Amino acid sequence: MPLALDAVRFIDASTLRHWLNDGREIALLDVREAGQFGEGHPFFATPLPFSRLELDAPRLLPRANVRIVLLDDGSPAQGASVAQRAAARLRQRGYDDIAILEGGASAWQRAGYTLFRGINVPSKTFGELVEREYGTPHVSAVQLQRWRAERGGCPIALIDGRTPEEHRKMAIPGAVCVPNGELAAHIDAFAGSPDTTIVIHCAGRTRSIIGAQTLRNLGIRRDVFALENGTQGWALAGFELEHGSTRGHAEALPAGSDARARAQALAQRVGVAALDERAARAWLDDATRTTYLLDVRTLAEYARDGLPFAQHAPGGQLVQATDQSVAVRHARLLLVDHDGIRAPVVAHWLVQLGFEAATVDAEIAARLTPREQAQAARDDDASAHPNVADESIVLDLRASAAHEHARPAGSHWTIRPRVFDTLRDAQATHDTPIVLFTDPNARPAARLVADDLRDAGFADVSIVASGIDGWKGAVDRAELHLTPARRIDFLFFVHDRHEGNLDAARAYLAWETGLIAQCAADELAAFRVGEAALLTQP
């Protein structure tokens, strides 16, 4: 069915700025791809790339009548812009209050407002504010090495607050992986004697700061420090990183732990409510407010017994990258765990991030039936590998980095917002057979492209979701470099710092520490860091 592109409402940048500050719920969605988003976007924009729009919209936008503003690059387009196409697709799925920022990101900048580079900008800024307002102590890589050499019998517990996958890739030698969301539950197993010094590290700054301050807010009576600049600071100091570590916390809580009592006391101190069934149901049934029900436990726990209508958002990552799970400003966040430890601690940070947050017991959550959510895109089972006719045009929809490494011979790399441009350049007609090539786990995203093509009149469209190892035709493994302008799915800004490029690491750390200075007063006003009881120690 052709997209209905008419009746799209456009607003200017000043109107959008007013909406962002009027106290009502709003989702500002940047529908450009990851590379474009990361090169410059408004502070409160949430990335929802058009290539995954219908797949991610239901979890990011659980209330269909929420106010939505879409943002693209503002470039003129033949037929329809990316934002217009996104608006039409969202309307098909029941979202009915949609506007588009006229002129896109460039119009925002022309109006005198800042475009921020990077990703997870609000959470990164929040980390810098936490360090400033709480005075979170830090230790340099050089000082940590000196402590290790000089302290003799004085124990040091070095904790990596990132995910196990990140820890395995690179870590400070000897560190144990305890993701920030798990710290409150498991720190007693690693803290050792009362005179143990605890040092938290991540790759850069945010999770080091949040992890260390979490323990301080919980009242851990030991020296607790954030490792300044994380693994990047370690490498910049000339020290070697460890690769392949599998050290981590155990699932079971240590015997005699008072973790639950500490977590509950912290939640009460900052005003985080534990909702009973009636109150929790009222949140979920309120058609005028958006409520996210978030399971903050580990992926293994969520896979074992997580509620099918709850979104998985491990606690440390939820604070570190809130915009990956929550798109609606002024929304309510209802957190669930199964131990009464992790959810209260994560909620105490979300309150300071500016959200209305509460917890609910897992047994209560299991009895709740949420409102019907927006329709997700359909995903048929993968079919057999179709025959690829000689006259077929093969479109490689995988990551641009994968295409550069190896590709079906004669294929064209493209991405959903540019697929029609690619076919025009390839001189395709509506009768040309089109083969969409992708990885096995990316078939749902390929189906979105297939729907676009069929709606536009292309009669012969098939999907091969085999990955390069399953491609039955010739494979081209010659070195290929797409131009940076074409690779809109790839954010160069944050890539090289994880590949040993020390100049990239320096630039990234300078970006992170400079975020507060870039913010306007109304952007910083969204946070509640250090207010009233938040600074009151138990």
Protein backbone atom coordinates (compact mmCIF):
# COMPACT_ATOMS: atom_id res chain seq x y z
CA MET A 1 0.00 0.00 0.00
CA PRO A 2 1.50 3.38 -0.96
CA LEU A 3 2.44 5.59 1.95
CA ALA A 4 0.14 8.49 2.82
CA LEU A 5 2.58 11.41 2.90
CA ASP A 6 0.11 14.27 3.06
CA ALA A 7 -1.14 16.16 6.12
CA VAL A 8 2.26 16.19 7.77
CA ARG A 9 2.60 18.95 10.36
CA PHE A 10 5.84 20.94 10.41
CA ILE A 11 7.09 23.05 13.31
CA ASP A 12 10.04 25.42 13.60
CA ALA A 13 12.99 25.14 15.97
CA SER A 14 11.69 27.71 18.49
CA THR A 15 8.39 25.83 18.80
CA LEU A 16 10.25 22.59 19.42
CA ARG A 17 12.42 24.25 22.07
CA HIS A 18 9.26 25.49 23.79
CA TRP A 19 7.71 22.02 23.67
CA LEU A 20 10.82 20.49 25.20
CA ASN A 21 10.39 22.82 28.19
CA ASP A 22 6.62 22.88 28.65
CA GLY A 23 6.56 19.96 31.10
CA ARG A 24 4.40 17.71 28.91
CA GLU A 25 5.51 14.38 27.56
CA ILE A 26 7.38 14.55 24.26
CA ALA A 27 9.52 12.21 22.18
CA LEU A 28 12.06 13.95 19.95
CA LEU A 29 13.14 11.21 17.55
CA ASP A 30 16.15 11.55 15.27
CA VAL A 31 15.35 9.22 12.37
CA ARG A 32 18.74 9.59 10.72
CA GLU A 33 21.24 6.74 10.86
CA ALA A 34 23.81 6.22 13.62
CA GLY A 35 26.67 8.02 11.91
CA GLN A 36 24.56 11.07 11.13
CA PHE A 37 23.06 11.20 14.62
CA GLY A 38 26.47 10.96 16.25
CA GLU A 39 27.89 13.85 14.27
CA GLY A 40 25.35 16.31 15.67
CA HIS A 41 21.88 16.24 17.25
CA PRO A 42 19.80 18.20 19.80
CA PHE A 43 20.54 17.39 23.43
CA PHE A 44 17.27 15.55 24.09
CA ALA A 45 16.99 13.76 20.73
CA THR A 46 16.58 9.98 20.88
CA PRO A 47 18.10 7.92 18.07
CA LEU A 48 15.47 5.92 16.18
CA PRO A 49 17.06 5.31 12.77
CA PHE A 50 14.68 4.85 9.87
CA SER A 51 16.41 1.55 9.07
CA ARG A 52 14.90 0.12 12.30
CA LEU A 53 11.93 2.41 12.82
CA GLU A 54 9.04 -0.04 13.10
CA LEU A 55 11.16 -2.58 14.98
CA ASP A 56 12.19 -0.27 17.82
CA ALA A 57 9.21 2.09 17.98
CA PRO A 58 6.98 -0.20 20.12
CA ARG A 59 9.48 -0.41 23.00
CA LEU A 60 10.60 3.24 22.76
CA LEU A 61 7.06 4.60 22.34
CA PRO A 62 4.70 2.40 24.40
CA ARG A 63 1.87 4.98 24.28
CA ALA A 64 0.49 5.51 20.78
CA ASN A 65 -0.91 9.00 21.38
CA VAL A 66 2.27 10.49 22.84
CA ARG A 67 3.47 13.75 21.30
CA ILE A 68 6.22 12.99 18.74
CA VAL A 69 8.57 15.24 16.81
CA LEU A 70 10.72 13.75 14.05
CA LEU A 71 14.09 15.10 12.99
CA ASP A 72 16.19 14.36 9.90
CA ASP A 73 18.96 16.24 8.09
CA GLY A 74 16.49 18.64 6.46
CA SER A 75 17.80 17.93 2.97
CA PRO A 76 15.31 18.33 0.13
CA ALA A 77 14.19 15.00 -1.26
CA GLN A 78 12.38 13.77 -4.32
CA GLY A 79 8.96 12.58 -3.26
CA ALA A 80 9.43 12.57 0.52
CA SER A 81 12.11 13.20 3.13
CA VAL A 82 13.19 10.53 5.57
CA ALA A 83 11.16 12.23 8.32
CA GLN A 84 8.05 12.26 6.13
CA ARG A 85 8.45 8.57 5.32
CA ALA A 86 8.98 7.85 9.02
CA ALA A 87 5.86 9.83 9.96
CA ALA A 88 3.78 7.86 7.47
CA ARG A 89 5.06 4.52 8.79
CA LEU A 90 4.40 5.53 12.39
CA ARG A 91 0.87 6.63 11.52
CA GLN A 92 0.27 3.22 9.97
CA ARG A 93 1.08 1.74 13.37
CA GLY A 94 -1.31 3.93 15.32
CA TYR A 95 0.79 6.93 16.37
CA ASP A 96 -1.37 9.97 15.77
CA ASP A 97 0.36 13.05 17.23
CA ILE A 98 3.37 13.57 14.97
CA ALA A 99 5.19 16.71 13.84
CA ILE A 100 8.39 17.21 11.87
CA LEU A 101 11.10 19.76 12.61
CA GLU A 102 11.16 21.86 9.46
CA GLY A 103 14.69 22.09 8.11
CA GLY A 104 15.95 19.30 10.34
CA ALA A 105 19.17 19.40 12.34
CA SER A 106 20.58 22.30 10.35
CA ALA A 107 17.54 24.43 11.19
CA TRP A 108 18.08 23.69 14.88
CA GLN A 109 21.62 24.99 14.58
CA ARG A 110 20.60 28.02 12.52
CA ALA A 111 18.20 28.98 15.31
CA GLY A 112 21.21 29.30 17.62
CA TYR A 113 20.81 25.96 19.40
CA THR A 114 23.64 23.50 19.94
CA LEU A 115 24.05 20.24 18.06
CA PHE A 116 25.88 17.72 20.24
CA ARG A 117 28.29 15.15 18.86
CA GLY A 118 28.48 11.62 20.23
CA ILE A 119 25.92 9.24 21.69
CA ASN A 120 24.08 8.97 25.02
CA VAL A 121 24.74 12.66 25.54
CA PRO A 122 22.25 13.27 28.41
CA SER A 123 23.63 10.31 30.37
CA LYS A 124 27.23 11.34 29.70
CA THR A 125 26.48 14.90 30.82
CA PHE A 126 24.76 13.50 33.88
CA GLY A 127 27.91 11.61 34.85
CA GLU A 128 29.94 14.80 34.69
CA LEU A 129 27.35 16.60 36.82
CA VAL A 130 27.42 13.79 39.39
CA GLU A 131 31.17 14.11 39.75
CA ARG A 132 30.89 17.89 40.10
CA GLU A 133 27.98 17.99 42.53
CA TYR A 134 28.90 15.02 44.73
CA GLY A 135 32.66 15.54 44.58
CA THR A 136 33.20 11.92 43.58
CA PRO A 137 36.87 11.18 44.28
CA HIS A 138 39.01 9.79 41.50
CA VAL A 139 42.43 8.24 41.17
CA SER A 140 44.73 8.41 38.16
CA ALA A 141 46.18 5.36 36.44
CA VAL A 142 49.66 6.33 37.64
CA GLN A 143 48.49 6.67 41.25
CA LEU A 144 46.68 3.33 41.11
CA GLN A 145 49.85 1.62 39.90
CA ARG A 146 51.78 3.32 42.72
CA TRP A 147 49.25 2.10 45.27
CA ARG A 148 49.56 -1.43 43.98
CA ALA A 149 53.34 -1.29 44.28
CA GLU A 150 53.63 0.55 47.60
CA ARG A 151 50.67 -0.41 49.77
CA GLY A 152 51.94 -3.81 50.74
CA GLY A 153 49.21 -5.51 52.72
CA CYS A 154 46.56 -2.84 52.15
CA PRO A 155 44.02 -4.50 49.80
CA ILE A 156 42.63 -2.88 46.67
CA ALA A 157 39.45 -4.16 44.97
CA LEU A 158 39.48 -3.16 41.30
CA ILE A 159 36.01 -3.39 39.74
CA ASP A 160 35.04 -3.03 36.07
CA GLY A 161 31.52 -1.51 35.98
CA ARG A 162 30.89 -2.27 32.29
CA THR A 163 29.23 -5.24 30.61
CA PRO A 164 30.98 -8.66 30.48
CA GLU A 165 31.44 -8.25 26.71
CA GLU A 166 33.26 -4.95 27.14
CA HIS A 167 35.31 -6.36 30.01
CA ARG A 168 36.39 -9.33 27.90
CA LYS A 169 37.56 -7.06 25.09
CA MET A 170 39.82 -4.95 27.30
CA ALA A 171 40.16 -4.26 31.01
CA ILE A 172 42.59 -3.02 33.60
CA PRO A 173 44.75 -6.02 34.60
CA GLY A 174 43.28 -7.79 37.60
CA ALA A 175 39.87 -6.10 37.46
CA VAL A 176 36.72 -8.09 38.18
CA CYS A 177 33.61 -7.41 36.09
CA VAL A 178 30.67 -6.29 38.22
CA PRO A 179 28.38 -4.19 35.98
CA ASN A 180 27.17 -1.02 37.68
CA GLY A 181 23.63 -2.34 37.91
CA GLU A 182 24.91 -5.30 39.94
CA LEU A 183 27.22 -3.38 42.27
CA ALA A 184 24.69 -2.86 45.03
CA ALA A 185 23.89 -6.58 45.15
CA HIS A 186 27.38 -8.05 44.86
CA ILE A 187 29.95 -5.57 46.19
CA ASP A 188 30.23 -7.35 49.56
CA ALA A 189 31.75 -10.36 47.81
CA PHE A 190 34.63 -8.25 46.48
CA ALA A 191 35.11 -5.51 49.03
CA GLY A 192 37.17 -7.62 51.39
CA SER A 193 38.12 -6.24 54.79
CA PRO A 194 36.88 -2.87 56.11
CA ASP A 195 40.13 -1.19 55.05
CA THR A 196 39.81 -2.32 51.43
CA THR A 197 40.12 0.48 48.88
CA ILE A 198 37.61 0.10 46.03
CA VAL A 199 38.37 1.46 42.57
CA ILE A 200 35.74 1.39 39.81
CA HIS A 201 36.71 1.64 36.15
CA CYS A 202 35.00 1.75 32.76
CA ALA A 203 36.28 2.64 29.28
CA GLY A 204 36.06 6.38 29.86
CA ARG A 205 34.38 8.32 32.64
CA THR A 206 30.63 7.92 33.13
CA ARG A 207 30.33 4.43 34.55
CA SER A 208 33.45 4.89 36.67
CA ILE A 209 31.87 7.96 38.26
CA ILE A 210 28.37 6.48 38.63
CA GLY A 211 29.73 3.20 39.99
CA ALA A 212 31.91 4.85 42.62
CA GLN A 213 29.18 7.28 43.65
CA THR A 214 26.66 4.44 43.87
CA LEU A 215 28.75 2.80 46.55
CA ARG A 216 29.25 6.10 48.35
CA ASN A 217 25.50 6.85 48.27
CA LEU A 218 24.85 3.37 49.68
CA GLY A 219 27.06 4.22 52.63
CA ILE A 220 29.89 1.78 51.92
CA ARG A 221 32.35 2.62 54.70
CA ARG A 222 35.55 2.27 52.70
CA ASP A 223 37.65 4.40 50.41
CA VAL A 224 35.88 4.37 47.03
CA PHE A 225 37.38 5.94 43.92
CA ALA A 226 36.59 6.27 40.23
CA LEU A 227 39.55 5.44 37.98
CA GLU A 228 40.10 8.65 36.07
CA ASN A 229 39.38 8.17 32.35
CA GLY A 230 39.08 4.37 32.59
CA THR A 231 40.84 2.04 30.19
CA GLN A 232 41.58 4.97 27.90
CA GLY A 233 43.37 6.81 30.71
CA TRP A 234 45.24 3.60 31.52
CA ALA A 235 46.48 3.28 27.93
CA LEU A 236 47.32 6.99 27.73
CA ALA A 237 49.51 6.55 30.81
CA GLY A 238 51.51 3.93 28.92
CA PHE A 239 50.18 0.84 30.69
CA GLU A 240 49.10 -2.40 29.01
CA LEU A 241 45.47 -3.50 29.00
CA GLU A 242 44.33 -7.06 29.61
CA HIS A 243 42.32 -8.87 26.94
CA GLY A 244 40.07 -11.91 27.27
CA SER A 245 39.31 -11.74 30.99
CA THR A 246 36.28 -13.72 32.15
CA ARG A 247 36.44 -12.67 35.80
CA GLY A 248 33.01 -11.66 37.07
CA HIS A 249 30.52 -11.75 39.90
CA ALA A 250 28.53 -14.84 40.85
CA GLU A 251 24.74 -14.88 40.67
CA ALA A 252 24.23 -15.73 44.36
CA LEU A 253 24.45 -12.99 46.98
CA PRO A 254 27.23 -13.37 49.56
CA ALA A 255 26.13 -14.80 52.89
CA GLY A 256 25.16 -12.21 55.46
CA SER A 257 24.93 -9.39 52.95
CA ASP A 258 22.92 -6.37 54.03
CA ALA A 259 22.62 -5.21 50.42
CA ARG A 260 18.83 -5.13 50.44
CA ALA A 261 18.63 -2.99 53.57
CA ARG A 262 21.14 -0.51 52.12
CA ALA A 263 19.27 -0.31 48.80
CA GLN A 264 15.88 0.18 50.43
CA ALA A 265 17.24 2.88 52.72
CA LEU A 266 18.76 4.75 49.76
CA ALA A 267 15.49 4.57 47.81
CA GLN A 268 13.51 5.90 50.74
CA ARG A 269 16.00 8.72 51.28
CA VAL A 270 15.51 10.06 47.75
CA GLY A 271 11.74 9.46 47.63
CA VAL A 272 11.57 6.43 45.33
CA ALA A 273 8.26 4.71 45.99
CA ALA A 274 7.65 0.96 45.97
CA LEU A 275 4.21 0.69 44.33
CA ASP A 276 1.56 -1.77 45.42
CA GLU A 277 -0.55 -3.57 42.84
CA ARG A 278 -3.26 -0.93 42.69
CA ALA A 279 -0.80 1.94 42.18
CA ALA A 280 1.28 0.03 39.63
CA ARG A 281 -1.82 -0.90 37.65
CA ALA A 282 -2.92 2.73 37.70
CA TRP A 283 0.41 3.77 36.18
CA LEU A 284 0.19 1.21 33.40
CA ASP A 285 -3.49 1.89 32.67
CA ASP A 286 -3.18 5.68 32.54
CA ALA A 287 -3.86 6.56 28.90
CA THR A 288 -2.58 10.11 29.44
CA ARG A 289 0.92 9.14 30.61
CA THR A 290 3.70 6.95 29.29
CA THR A 291 4.98 4.25 31.62
CA TYR A 292 7.95 2.01 30.86
CA LEU A 293 8.07 -1.28 32.74
CA LEU A 294 11.78 -2.15 32.89
CA ASP A 295 13.47 -5.31 34.15
CA VAL A 296 16.90 -4.17 35.34
CA ARG A 297 18.45 -7.57 35.99
CA THR A 298 21.04 -9.39 33.88
CA LEU A 299 20.19 -10.79 30.46
CA ALA A 300 20.43 -14.37 31.73
CA GLU A 301 17.93 -13.65 34.50
CA TYR A 302 15.57 -11.86 32.14
CA ALA A 303 15.75 -14.74 29.64
CA ARG A 304 14.97 -17.20 32.41
CA ASP A 305 11.86 -15.63 33.93
CA GLY A 306 11.41 -12.10 32.63
CA LEU A 307 7.90 -10.81 32.03
CA PRO A 308 7.03 -10.85 28.31
CA PHE A 309 5.58 -7.32 28.46
CA ALA A 310 8.56 -5.84 30.34
CA GLN A 311 11.52 -4.36 28.52
CA HIS A 312 14.95 -5.64 29.48
CA ALA A 313 17.21 -2.75 30.51
CA PRO A 314 20.12 -3.82 32.73
CA GLY A 315 20.52 -1.19 35.42
CA GLY A 316 24.04 0.00 34.71
CA GLN A 317 23.34 0.46 31.02
CA LEU A 318 19.99 2.11 31.75
CA VAL A 319 21.75 4.93 33.57
CA GLN A 320 24.69 5.01 31.14
CA ALA A 321 22.53 5.07 27.99
CA THR A 322 19.00 5.98 29.04
CA ASP A 323 18.01 7.09 25.54
CA GLN A 324 18.44 3.53 24.25
CA SER A 325 15.47 2.41 26.35
CA VAL A 326 13.43 5.57 27.05
CA ALA A 327 12.42 8.02 24.31
CA VAL A 328 9.72 10.04 26.09
CA ARG A 329 10.71 12.99 28.25
CA HIS A 330 8.71 13.28 31.51
CA ALA A 331 7.70 9.61 31.26
CA ARG A 332 7.26 7.30 34.24
CA LEU A 333 9.73 4.45 34.78
CA LEU A 334 8.58 1.41 36.73
CA LEU A 335 11.47 -0.87 37.63
CA VAL A 336 11.33 -4.53 38.58
CA ASP A 337 13.91 -6.99 39.89
CA HIS A 338 13.53 -10.13 41.99
CA ASP A 339 15.61 -9.19 45.01
CA GLY A 340 14.62 -5.64 46.00
CA ILE A 341 18.23 -4.45 45.64
CA ARG A 342 19.00 -3.43 42.10
CA ALA A 343 15.77 -1.65 41.12
CA PRO A 344 15.78 0.78 44.08
CA VAL A 345 19.41 1.76 43.45
CA VAL A 346 18.91 2.26 39.71
CA ALA A 347 15.72 4.23 40.42
CA HIS A 348 17.59 6.61 42.72
CA TRP A 349 19.73 7.62 39.73
CA LEU A 350 16.79 7.87 37.33
CA VAL A 351 15.08 10.32 39.67
CA GLN A 352 18.17 12.49 39.44
CA LEU A 353 18.15 12.12 35.67
CA GLY A 354 14.77 13.86 35.82
CA PHE A 355 12.32 10.96 35.52
CA GLU A 356 9.47 9.92 37.76
CA ALA A 357 10.69 6.49 38.86
CA ALA A 358 9.31 3.82 41.16
CA THR A 359 9.78 0.12 41.83
CA VAL A 360 7.35 -2.77 41.87
CA ASP A 361 7.74 -6.24 43.34
CA ALA A 362 8.19 -9.00 40.74
CA GLU A 363 5.18 -10.97 42.00
CA ILE A 364 2.99 -7.89 41.64
CA ALA A 365 4.38 -7.11 38.19
CA ALA A 366 3.56 -10.63 37.01
CA ARG A 367 -0.14 -10.00 37.71
CA LEU A 368 -0.28 -6.76 35.73
CA THR A 369 -1.67 -6.60 32.22
CA PRO A 370 -0.35 -3.59 30.32
CA ARG A 371 -2.25 -1.55 27.78
CA GLU A 372 -2.12 -2.83 24.23
CA GLN A 373 1.02 -1.44 22.67
CA ALA A 374 1.65 -0.18 19.15
CA GLN A 375 1.78 -2.81 16.43
CA ALA A 376 5.25 -4.17 15.75
CA ALA A 377 6.48 -4.86 12.24
CA ARG A 378 5.77 -8.41 11.10
CA ASP A 379 8.61 -10.86 10.66
CA ASP A 380 7.94 -13.97 8.61
CA ASP A 381 10.15 -17.01 8.97
CA ALA A 382 13.16 -17.05 6.69
CA SER A 383 12.46 -18.78 3.41
CA ALA A 384 14.79 -20.90 1.36
CA HIS A 385 17.60 -19.18 -0.51
CA PRO A 386 15.92 -17.89 -3.71
CA ASN A 387 17.51 -18.22 -7.09
CA VAL A 388 19.37 -15.06 -8.04
CA ALA A 389 18.77 -14.32 -11.69
CA ASP A 390 21.52 -12.80 -13.80
CA GLU A 391 19.52 -9.59 -14.17
CA SER A 392 18.90 -9.26 -10.42
CA ILE A 393 20.23 -6.32 -8.47
CA VAL A 394 21.64 -7.43 -5.11
CA LEU A 395 21.44 -4.83 -2.34
CA ASP A 396 23.71 -5.50 0.64
CA LEU A 397 21.88 -4.23 3.74
CA ARG A 398 24.50 -5.33 6.26
CA ALA A 399 26.73 -2.90 8.13
CA SER A 400 28.94 -0.90 5.82
CA ALA A 401 32.00 -2.28 7.62
CA ALA A 402 30.93 -5.82 6.72
CA HIS A 403 30.42 -4.87 3.07
CA GLU A 404 33.92 -3.41 2.91
CA HIS A 405 35.35 -6.71 4.15
CA ALA A 406 33.44 -9.09 1.86
CA ARG A 407 30.28 -8.92 -0.26
CA PRO A 408 28.24 -10.81 -2.87
CA ALA A 409 29.97 -10.18 -6.17
CA GLY A 410 28.42 -7.23 -7.98
CA SER A 411 26.26 -6.17 -5.01
CA HIS A 412 25.53 -2.58 -4.00
CA TRP A 413 25.79 -1.47 -0.39
CA THR A 414 22.80 0.56 0.75
CA ILE A 415 20.63 1.36 3.73
CA ARG A 416 16.89 1.87 4.03
CA PRO A 417 16.72 5.68 3.72
CA ARG A 418 18.87 5.54 0.56
CA VAL A 419 17.59 2.42 -1.14
CA PHE A 420 15.67 4.27 -3.85
CA ASP A 421 18.71 6.41 -4.65
CA THR A 422 20.79 3.23 -4.99
CA LEU A 423 18.28 1.61 -7.34
CA ARG A 424 18.06 4.77 -9.42
CA ASP A 425 21.85 4.82 -9.78
CA ALA A 426 21.75 1.13 -10.73
CA GLN A 427 19.10 1.94 -13.40
CA ALA A 428 16.59 -0.47 -11.90
CA THR A 429 12.99 -0.54 -13.10
CA HIS A 430 9.92 -1.77 -11.29
CA ASP A 431 10.31 -5.08 -13.17
CA THR A 432 13.93 -5.60 -12.13
CA PRO A 433 14.34 -8.49 -9.65
CA ILE A 434 15.67 -7.09 -6.37
CA VAL A 435 17.51 -9.30 -3.86
CA LEU A 436 18.00 -7.92 -0.36
CA PHE A 437 21.04 -9.53 1.25
CA THR A 438 21.61 -9.43 5.01
CA ASP A 439 22.70 -11.37 8.09
CA PRO A 440 20.48 -14.11 9.59
CA ASN A 441 19.52 -12.03 12.63
CA ALA A 442 18.70 -8.95 10.54
CA ARG A 443 15.81 -10.31 8.51
CA PRO A 444 13.20 -8.12 10.28
CA ALA A 445 15.03 -4.95 9.22
CA ALA A 446 15.34 -6.28 5.65
CA ARG A 447 11.61 -6.88 5.58
CA LEU A 448 11.04 -3.17 6.24
CA VAL A 449 13.01 -2.39 3.09
CA ALA A 450 11.07 -5.03 1.16
CA ASP A 451 7.80 -3.42 2.24
CA ASP A 452 9.07 -0.02 1.09
CA LEU A 453 9.99 -1.41 -2.32
CA ARG A 454 6.72 -3.27 -2.82
CA ASP A 455 4.73 -0.22 -1.77
CA ALA A 456 6.67 1.75 -4.39
CA GLY A 457 5.74 -0.74 -7.13
CA PHE A 458 8.73 -3.09 -7.32
CA ALA A 459 7.18 -6.42 -8.20
CA ASP A 460 9.99 -8.92 -7.59
CA VAL A 461 11.64 -8.49 -4.19
CA SER A 462 13.22 -11.30 -2.18
CA ILE A 463 15.35 -11.54 0.96
CA VAL A 464 18.47 -13.64 1.49
CA ALA A 465 19.28 -13.61 5.20
CA SER A 466 22.25 -15.95 5.04
CA GLY A 467 25.24 -13.80 5.86
CA ILE A 468 28.33 -13.92 3.71
CA ASP A 469 29.19 -17.50 4.68
CA GLY A 470 25.82 -18.73 3.43
CA TRP A 471 25.79 -16.81 0.14
CA LYS A 472 25.57 -19.36 -2.70
CA GLY A 473 26.91 -17.09 -5.38
CA ALA A 474 30.36 -15.63 -5.94
CA VAL A 475 31.87 -13.63 -3.08
CA ASP A 476 34.07 -10.61 -3.65
CA ARG A 477 36.71 -10.34 -0.89
CA ALA A 478 38.79 -7.60 -2.48
CA GLU A 479 39.58 -4.63 -0.25
CA LEU A 480 36.91 -1.96 -0.65
CA HIS A 481 36.51 1.43 1.00
CA LEU A 482 33.20 3.24 0.87
CA THR A 483 33.45 6.99 1.23
CA PRO A 484 32.72 8.33 4.75
CA ALA A 485 29.79 10.30 3.32
CA ARG A 486 28.12 7.05 2.24
CA ARG A 487 28.68 5.27 5.55
CA ILE A 488 25.86 6.94 7.44
CA ASP A 489 25.47 3.84 9.63
CA PHE A 490 28.95 4.20 11.12
CA LEU A 491 30.03 6.70 13.76
CA PHE A 492 33.72 7.40 13.21
CA PHE A 493 33.79 9.73 16.20
CA VAL A 494 33.77 6.97 18.85
CA HIS A 495 35.26 4.04 16.95
CA ASP A 496 39.04 4.39 16.95
CA ARG A 497 39.36 5.01 20.69
CA HIS A 498 38.58 1.31 21.27
CA GLU A 499 41.14 0.22 18.69
CA GLY A 500 44.26 1.59 20.36
CA ASN A 501 44.21 5.05 18.75
CA LEU A 502 45.47 7.27 21.57
CA ASP A 503 44.73 10.50 19.73
CA ALA A 504 41.10 9.35 19.36
CA ALA A 505 41.02 8.53 23.08
CA ARG A 506 42.28 12.01 23.98
CA ALA A 507 39.70 13.64 21.71
CA TYR A 508 36.90 11.54 23.21
CA LEU A 509 37.84 12.35 26.79
CA ALA A 510 38.04 16.05 25.93
CA TRP A 511 34.55 15.78 24.42
CA GLU A 512 33.18 14.06 27.51
CA THR A 513 34.63 16.53 30.00
CA GLY A 514 33.44 19.44 27.85
CA LEU A 515 29.78 18.47 27.70
CA ILE A 516 28.53 20.60 30.59
CA ALA A 517 30.01 23.74 29.08
CA GLN A 518 28.10 23.14 25.83
CA CYS A 519 24.73 22.87 27.57
CA ALA A 520 22.22 25.67 27.88
CA ALA A 521 20.53 26.38 31.21
CA ASP A 522 17.26 24.70 30.18
CA GLU A 523 19.12 21.52 29.19
CA LEU A 524 20.93 21.27 32.53
CA ALA A 525 17.70 22.12 34.38
CA ALA A 526 16.28 18.72 33.41
CA PHE A 527 18.55 17.03 35.96
CA ARG A 528 18.14 16.90 39.74
CA VAL A 529 21.66 15.97 40.77
CA GLY A 530 22.36 16.57 44.42
CA GLU A 531 19.01 18.10 45.36
CA ALA A 532 17.89 18.11 49.00
CA ALA A 533 18.06 14.60 50.46
CA LEU A 534 20.17 13.32 47.59
CA LEU A 535 23.28 14.64 49.30
CA THR A 536 22.22 13.50 52.77
CA GLN A 537 24.29 10.55 53.89
CA PRO A 538 22.71 7.82 56.01
